[in-house]
Amino acid sequence: MTGGDKSHSSSGNPKAEENDSPFGIWLSRGLHQLFDDVANEPIPDELLKLIEEDRNK
């Protein structure tokens, strides 16, 4: 339990450091280039209807 746990960084936020690394920046930009257009498409009415029906159960 002591000495070997490297999951916590000195800032207390390991995810923030991963995103600020050159690899994290490259990965984030690449994923945005690939998927932003898809994520910004409207959700089909049929799918919204199914979600609403399930939510009301």
PDB file of N, CA and C in Angstrom:
ATOM      1  N   MET A   1       0.802  -1.199   0.000  1.00  0.00           N
ATOM      2  CA  MET A   1       0.000   0.000   0.000  1.00  0.00           C
ATOM      3  C   MET A   1       0.846   1.265   0.000  1.00  0.00           C
ATOM      4  N   THR A   2       2.058   1.160   0.450  1.00  0.00           N
ATOM      5  CA  THR A   2       2.892   2.349   0.496  1.00  0.00           C
ATOM      6  C   THR A   2       4.026   2.229  -0.495  1.00  0.00           C
ATOM      7  N   GLY A   3       4.405   3.335  -1.067  1.00  0.00           N
ATOM      8  CA  GLY A   3       5.561   3.378  -1.928  1.00  0.00           C
ATOM      9  C   GLY A   3       5.307   2.977  -3.371  1.00  0.00           C
ATOM     10  N   GLY A   4       4.365   2.091  -3.633  1.00  0.00           N
ATOM     11  CA  GLY A   4       4.170   1.608  -4.987  1.00  0.00           C
ATOM     12  C   GLY A   4       2.992   2.213  -5.708  1.00  0.00           C
ATOM     13  N   ASP A   5       2.184   3.008  -5.037  1.00  0.00           N
ATOM     14  CA  ASP A   5       0.993   3.577  -5.651  1.00  0.00           C
ATOM     15  C   ASP A   5       1.362   4.825  -6.429  1.00  0.00           C
ATOM     16  N   LYS A   6       1.349   4.709  -7.750  1.00  0.00           N
ATOM     17  CA  LYS A   6       1.683   5.849  -8.600  1.00  0.00           C
ATOM     18  C   LYS A   6       0.460   6.364  -9.338  1.00  0.00           C
ATOM     19  N   SER A   7      -0.730   6.009  -8.853  1.00  0.00           N
ATOM     20  CA  SER A   7      -1.952   6.427  -9.533  1.00  0.00           C
ATOM     21  C   SER A   7      -2.313   7.874  -9.241  1.00  0.00           C
ATOM     22  N   HIS A   8      -1.732   8.448  -8.208  1.00  0.00           N
ATOM     23  CA  HIS A   8      -2.042   9.833  -7.864  1.00  0.00           C
ATOM     24  C   HIS A   8      -0.842  10.710  -8.161  1.00  0.00           C
ATOM     25  N   SER A   9      -1.075  11.814  -8.856  1.00  0.00           N
ATOM     26  CA  SER A   9       0.013  12.739  -9.143  1.00  0.00           C
ATOM     27  C   SER A   9       0.116  13.773  -8.037  1.00  0.00           C
ATOM     28  N   SER A  10       1.120  14.597  -8.112  1.00  0.00           N
ATOM     29  CA  SER A  10       1.304  15.618  -7.089  1.00  0.00           C
ATOM     30  C   SER A  10       0.194  16.660  -7.125  1.00  0.00           C
ATOM     31  N   SER A  11      -0.449  16.856  -8.289  1.00  0.00           N
ATOM     32  CA  SER A  11      -1.533  17.836  -8.370  1.00  0.00           C
ATOM     33  C   SER A  11      -2.851  17.254  -7.894  1.00  0.00           C
ATOM     34  N   GLY A  12      -2.918  15.930  -7.734  1.00  0.00           N
ATOM     35  CA  GLY A  12      -4.145  15.301  -7.281  1.00  0.00           C
ATOM     36  C   GLY A  12      -5.136  15.043  -8.387  1.00  0.00           C
ATOM     37  N   ASN A  13      -4.804  15.373  -9.621  1.00  0.00           N
ATOM     38  CA  ASN A  13      -5.705  15.168 -10.741  1.00  0.00           C
ATOM     39  C   ASN A  13      -4.944  14.538 -11.894  1.00  0.00           C
ATOM     40  N   PRO A  14      -4.835  13.193 -11.900  1.00  0.00           N
ATOM     41  CA  PRO A  14      -4.052  12.546 -12.950  1.00  0.00           C
ATOM     42  C   PRO A  14      -4.660  12.704 -14.339  1.00  0.00           C
ATOM     43  N   LYS A  15      -5.979  12.812 -14.450  1.00  0.00           N
ATOM     44  CA  LYS A  15      -6.616  12.971 -15.763  1.00  0.00           C
ATOM     45  C   LYS A  15      -6.230  14.300 -16.395  1.00  0.00           C
ATOM     46  N   ALA A  16      -6.123  15.352 -15.615  1.00  0.00           N
ATOM     47  CA  ALA A  16      -5.753  16.650 -16.156  1.00  0.00           C
ATOM     48  C   ALA A  16      -4.346  16.608 -16.740  1.00  0.00           C
ATOM     49  N   GLU A  17      -3.449  15.910 -16.068  1.00  0.00           N
ATOM     50  CA  GLU A  17      -2.089  15.809 -16.569  1.00  0.00           C
ATOM     51  C   GLU A  17      -2.028  14.974 -17.833  1.00  0.00           C
ATOM     52  N   GLU A  18      -2.843  13.915 -17.934  1.00  0.00           N
ATOM     53  CA  GLU A  18      -2.876  13.099 -19.136  1.00  0.00           C
ATOM     54  C   GLU A  18      -3.344  13.930 -20.320  1.00  0.00           C
ATOM     55  N   ASN A  19      -4.340  14.770 -20.121  1.00  0.00           N
ATOM     56  CA  ASN A  19      -4.873  15.585 -21.204  1.00  0.00           C
ATOM     57  C   ASN A  19      -3.915  16.684 -21.621  1.00  0.00           C
ATOM     58  N   ASP A  20      -3.050  17.123 -20.732  1.00  0.00           N
ATOM     59  CA  ASP A  20      -2.112  18.186 -21.046  1.00  0.00           C
ATOM     60  C   ASP A  20      -0.828  17.670 -21.668  1.00  0.00           C
ATOM     61  N   SER A  21      -0.628  16.362 -21.652  1.00  0.00           N
ATOM     62  CA  SER A  21       0.579  15.800 -22.246  1.00  0.00           C
ATOM     63  C   SER A  21       0.481  15.919 -23.765  1.00  0.00           C
ATOM     64  N   PRO A  22       1.603  15.929 -24.453  1.00  0.00           N
ATOM     65  CA  PRO A  22       1.544  15.989 -25.925  1.00  0.00           C
ATOM     66  C   PRO A  22       0.692  14.864 -26.525  1.00  0.00           C
ATOM     67  N   PHE A  23       0.808  13.651 -25.966  1.00  0.00           N
ATOM     68  CA  PHE A  23      -0.005  12.548 -26.468  1.00  0.00           C
ATOM     69  C   PHE A  23      -1.486  12.815 -26.225  1.00  0.00           C
ATOM     70  N   GLY A  24      -1.838  13.321 -25.039  1.00  0.00           N
ATOM     71  CA  GLY A  24      -3.229  13.607 -24.721  1.00  0.00           C
ATOM     72  C   GLY A  24      -3.821  14.666 -25.643  1.00  0.00           C
ATOM     73  N   ILE A  25      -3.045  15.690 -25.935  1.00  0.00           N
ATOM     74  CA  ILE A  25      -3.497  16.748 -26.849  1.00  0.00           C
ATOM     75  C   ILE A  25      -3.692  16.180 -28.247  1.00  0.00           C
ATOM     76  N   TRP A  26      -2.710  15.387 -28.709  1.00  0.00           N
ATOM     77  CA  TRP A  26      -2.798  14.779 -30.036  1.00  0.00           C
ATOM     78  C   TRP A  26      -4.016  13.868 -30.144  1.00  0.00           C
ATOM     79  N   LEU A  27      -4.233  13.055 -29.114  1.00  0.00           N
ATOM     80  CA  LEU A  27      -5.356  12.130 -29.114  1.00  0.00           C
ATOM     81  C   LEU A  27      -6.681  12.873 -29.121  1.00  0.00           C
ATOM     82  N   SER A  28      -6.802  13.883 -28.293  1.00  0.00           N
ATOM     83  CA  SER A  28      -8.035  14.653 -28.213  1.00  0.00           C
ATOM     84  C   SER A  28      -8.358  15.322 -29.546  1.00  0.00           C
ATOM     85  N   ARG A  29      -7.357  15.934 -30.160  1.00  0.00           N
ATOM     86  CA  ARG A  29      -7.579  16.591 -31.453  1.00  0.00           C
ATOM     87  C   ARG A  29      -7.970  15.587 -32.525  1.00  0.00           C
ATOM     88  N   GLY A  30      -7.296  14.442 -32.533  1.00  0.00           N
ATOM     89  CA  GLY A  30      -7.608  13.412 -33.525  1.00  0.00           C
ATOM     90  C   GLY A  30      -9.020  12.882 -33.370  1.00  0.00           C
ATOM     91  N   LEU A  31      -9.426  12.630 -32.126  1.00  0.00           N
ATOM     92  CA  LEU A  31     -10.774  12.125 -31.885  1.00  0.00           C
ATOM     93  C   LEU A  31     -11.824  13.164 -32.275  1.00  0.00           C
ATOM     94  N   HIS A  32     -11.539  14.429 -31.981  1.00  0.00           N
ATOM     95  CA  HIS A  32     -12.481  15.478 -32.378  1.00  0.00           C
ATOM     96  C   HIS A  32     -12.593  15.557 -33.895  1.00  0.00           C
ATOM     97  N   GLN A  33     -11.483  15.455 -34.595  1.00  0.00           N
ATOM     98  CA  GLN A  33     -11.523  15.502 -36.058  1.00  0.00           C
ATOM     99  C   GLN A  33     -12.346  14.350 -36.617  1.00  0.00           C
ATOM    100  N   LEU A  34     -12.228  13.187 -36.007  1.00  0.00           N
ATOM    101  CA  LEU A  34     -12.937  12.013 -36.507  1.00  0.00           C
ATOM    102  C   LEU A  34     -14.425  12.015 -36.164  1.00  0.00           C
ATOM    103  N   PHE A  35     -14.784  12.471 -34.973  1.00  0.00           N
ATOM    104  CA  PHE A  35     -16.126  12.223 -34.472  1.00  0.00           C
ATOM    105  C   PHE A  35     -16.998  13.445 -34.223  1.00  0.00           C
ATOM    106  N   ASP A  36     -16.480  14.666 -34.342  1.00  0.00           N
ATOM    107  CA  ASP A  36     -17.309  15.841 -34.084  1.00  0.00           C
ATOM    108  C   ASP A  36     -18.504  15.925 -35.026  1.00  0.00           C
ATOM    109  N   ASP A  37     -18.293  15.630 -36.312  1.00  0.00           N
ATOM    110  CA  ASP A  37     -19.400  15.704 -37.261  1.00  0.00           C
ATOM    111  C   ASP A  37     -20.511  14.722 -36.898  1.00  0.00           C
ATOM    112  N   VAL A  38     -20.129  13.529 -36.497  1.00  0.00           N
ATOM    113  CA  VAL A  38     -21.119  12.516 -36.126  1.00  0.00           C
ATOM    114  C   VAL A  38     -21.839  12.930 -34.847  1.00  0.00           C
ATOM    115  N   ALA A  39     -21.096  13.415 -33.870  1.00  0.00           N
ATOM    116  CA  ALA A  39     -21.693  13.803 -32.589  1.00  0.00           C
ATOM    117  C   ALA A  39     -22.633  14.993 -32.739  1.00  0.00           C
ATOM    118  N   ASN A  40     -22.424  15.812 -33.744  1.00  0.00           N
ATOM    119  CA  ASN A  40     -23.261  16.993 -33.934  1.00  0.00           C
ATOM    120  C   ASN A  40     -24.488  16.734 -34.802  1.00  0.00           C
ATOM    121  N   GLU A  41     -24.627  15.508 -35.327  1.00  0.00           N
ATOM    122  CA  GLU A  41     -25.813  15.182 -36.113  1.00  0.00           C
ATOM    123  C   GLU A  41     -27.040  15.135 -35.195  1.00  0.00           C
ATOM    124  N   PRO A  42     -28.198  15.487 -35.728  1.00  0.00           N
ATOM    125  CA  PRO A  42     -29.412  15.411 -34.907  1.00  0.00           C
ATOM    126  C   PRO A  42     -29.770  13.962 -34.588  1.00  0.00           C
ATOM    127  N   ILE A  43     -30.370  13.778 -33.427  1.00  0.00           N
ATOM    128  CA  ILE A  43     -30.802  12.438 -33.014  1.00  0.00           C
ATOM    129  C   ILE A  43     -32.116  12.141 -33.731  1.00  0.00           C
ATOM    130  N   PRO A  44     -32.225  10.983 -34.382  1.00  0.00           N
ATOM    131  CA  PRO A  44     -33.466  10.650 -35.109  1.00  0.00           C
ATOM    132  C   PRO A  44     -34.679  10.633 -34.181  1.00  0.00           C
ATOM    133  N   ASP A  45     -35.807  11.061 -34.726  1.00  0.00           N
ATOM    134  CA  ASP A  45     -37.050  11.120 -33.940  1.00  0.00           C
ATOM    135  C   ASP A  45     -37.438   9.760 -33.378  1.00  0.00           C
ATOM    136  N   GLU A  46     -37.213   8.695 -34.152  1.00  0.00           N
ATOM    137  CA  GLU A  46     -37.565   7.353 -33.685  1.00  0.00           C
ATOM    138  C   GLU A  46     -36.781   6.994 -32.431  1.00  0.00           C
ATOM    139  N   LEU A  47     -35.493   7.347 -32.408  1.00  0.00           N
ATOM    140  CA  LEU A  47     -34.669   7.053 -31.243  1.00  0.00           C
ATOM    141  C   LEU A  47     -35.107   7.884 -30.041  1.00  0.00           C
ATOM    142  N   LEU A  48     -35.412   9.141 -30.253  1.00  0.00           N
ATOM    143  CA  LEU A  48     -35.902   9.988 -29.160  1.00  0.00           C
ATOM    144  C   LEU A  48     -37.210   9.437 -28.585  1.00  0.00           C
ATOM    145  N   LYS A  49     -38.066   8.943 -29.474  1.00  0.00           N
ATOM    146  CA  LYS A  49     -39.342   8.358 -29.021  1.00  0.00           C
ATOM    147  C   LYS A  49     -39.083   7.131 -28.152  1.00  0.00           C
ATOM    148  N   LEU A  50     -38.154   6.255 -28.575  1.00  0.00           N
ATOM    149  CA  LEU A  50     -37.821   5.065 -27.791  1.00  0.00           C
ATOM    150  C   LEU A  50     -37.251   5.438 -26.426  1.00  0.00           C
ATOM    151  N   ILE A  51     -36.412   6.442 -26.396  1.00  0.00           N
ATOM    152  CA  ILE A  51     -35.819   6.881 -25.124  1.00  0.00           C
ATOM    153  C   ILE A  51     -36.901   7.402 -24.192  1.00  0.00           C
ATOM    154  N   GLU A  52     -37.802   8.214 -24.717  1.00  0.00           N
ATOM    155  CA  GLU A  52     -38.890   8.748 -23.899  1.00  0.00           C
ATOM    156  C   GLU A  52     -39.815   7.644 -23.392  1.00  0.00           C
ATOM    157  N   GLU A  53     -40.113   6.678 -24.240  1.00  0.00           N
ATOM    158  CA  GLU A  53     -40.978   5.567 -23.811  1.00  0.00           C
ATOM    159  C   GLU A  53     -40.308   4.773 -22.695  1.00  0.00           C
ATOM    160  N   ASP A  54     -39.011   4.530 -22.817  1.00  0.00           N
ATOM    161  CA  ASP A  54     -38.294   3.795 -21.795  1.00  0.00           C
ATOM    162  C   ASP A  54     -38.213   4.588 -20.499  1.00  0.00           C
ATOM    163  N   ARG A  55     -38.031   5.885 -20.608  1.00  0.00           N
ATOM    164  CA  ARG A  55     -37.936   6.745 -19.427  1.00  0.00           C
ATOM    165  C   ARG A  55     -39.248   6.752 -18.659  1.00  0.00           C
ATOM    166  N   ASN A  56     -40.363   6.631 -19.348  1.00  0.00           N
ATOM    167  CA  ASN A  56     -41.677   6.684 -18.706  1.00  0.00           C
ATOM    168  C   ASN A  56     -42.099   5.372 -18.088  1.00  0.00           C
ATOM    169  N   LYS A  57     -41.312   4.312 -18.235  1.00  0.00           N
ATOM    170  CA  LYS A  57     -41.663   3.013 -17.653  1.00  0.00           C
ATOM    171  C   LYS A  57     -41.445   2.986 -16.173  1.00  0.00           C
TER     172      LYS A  57
END
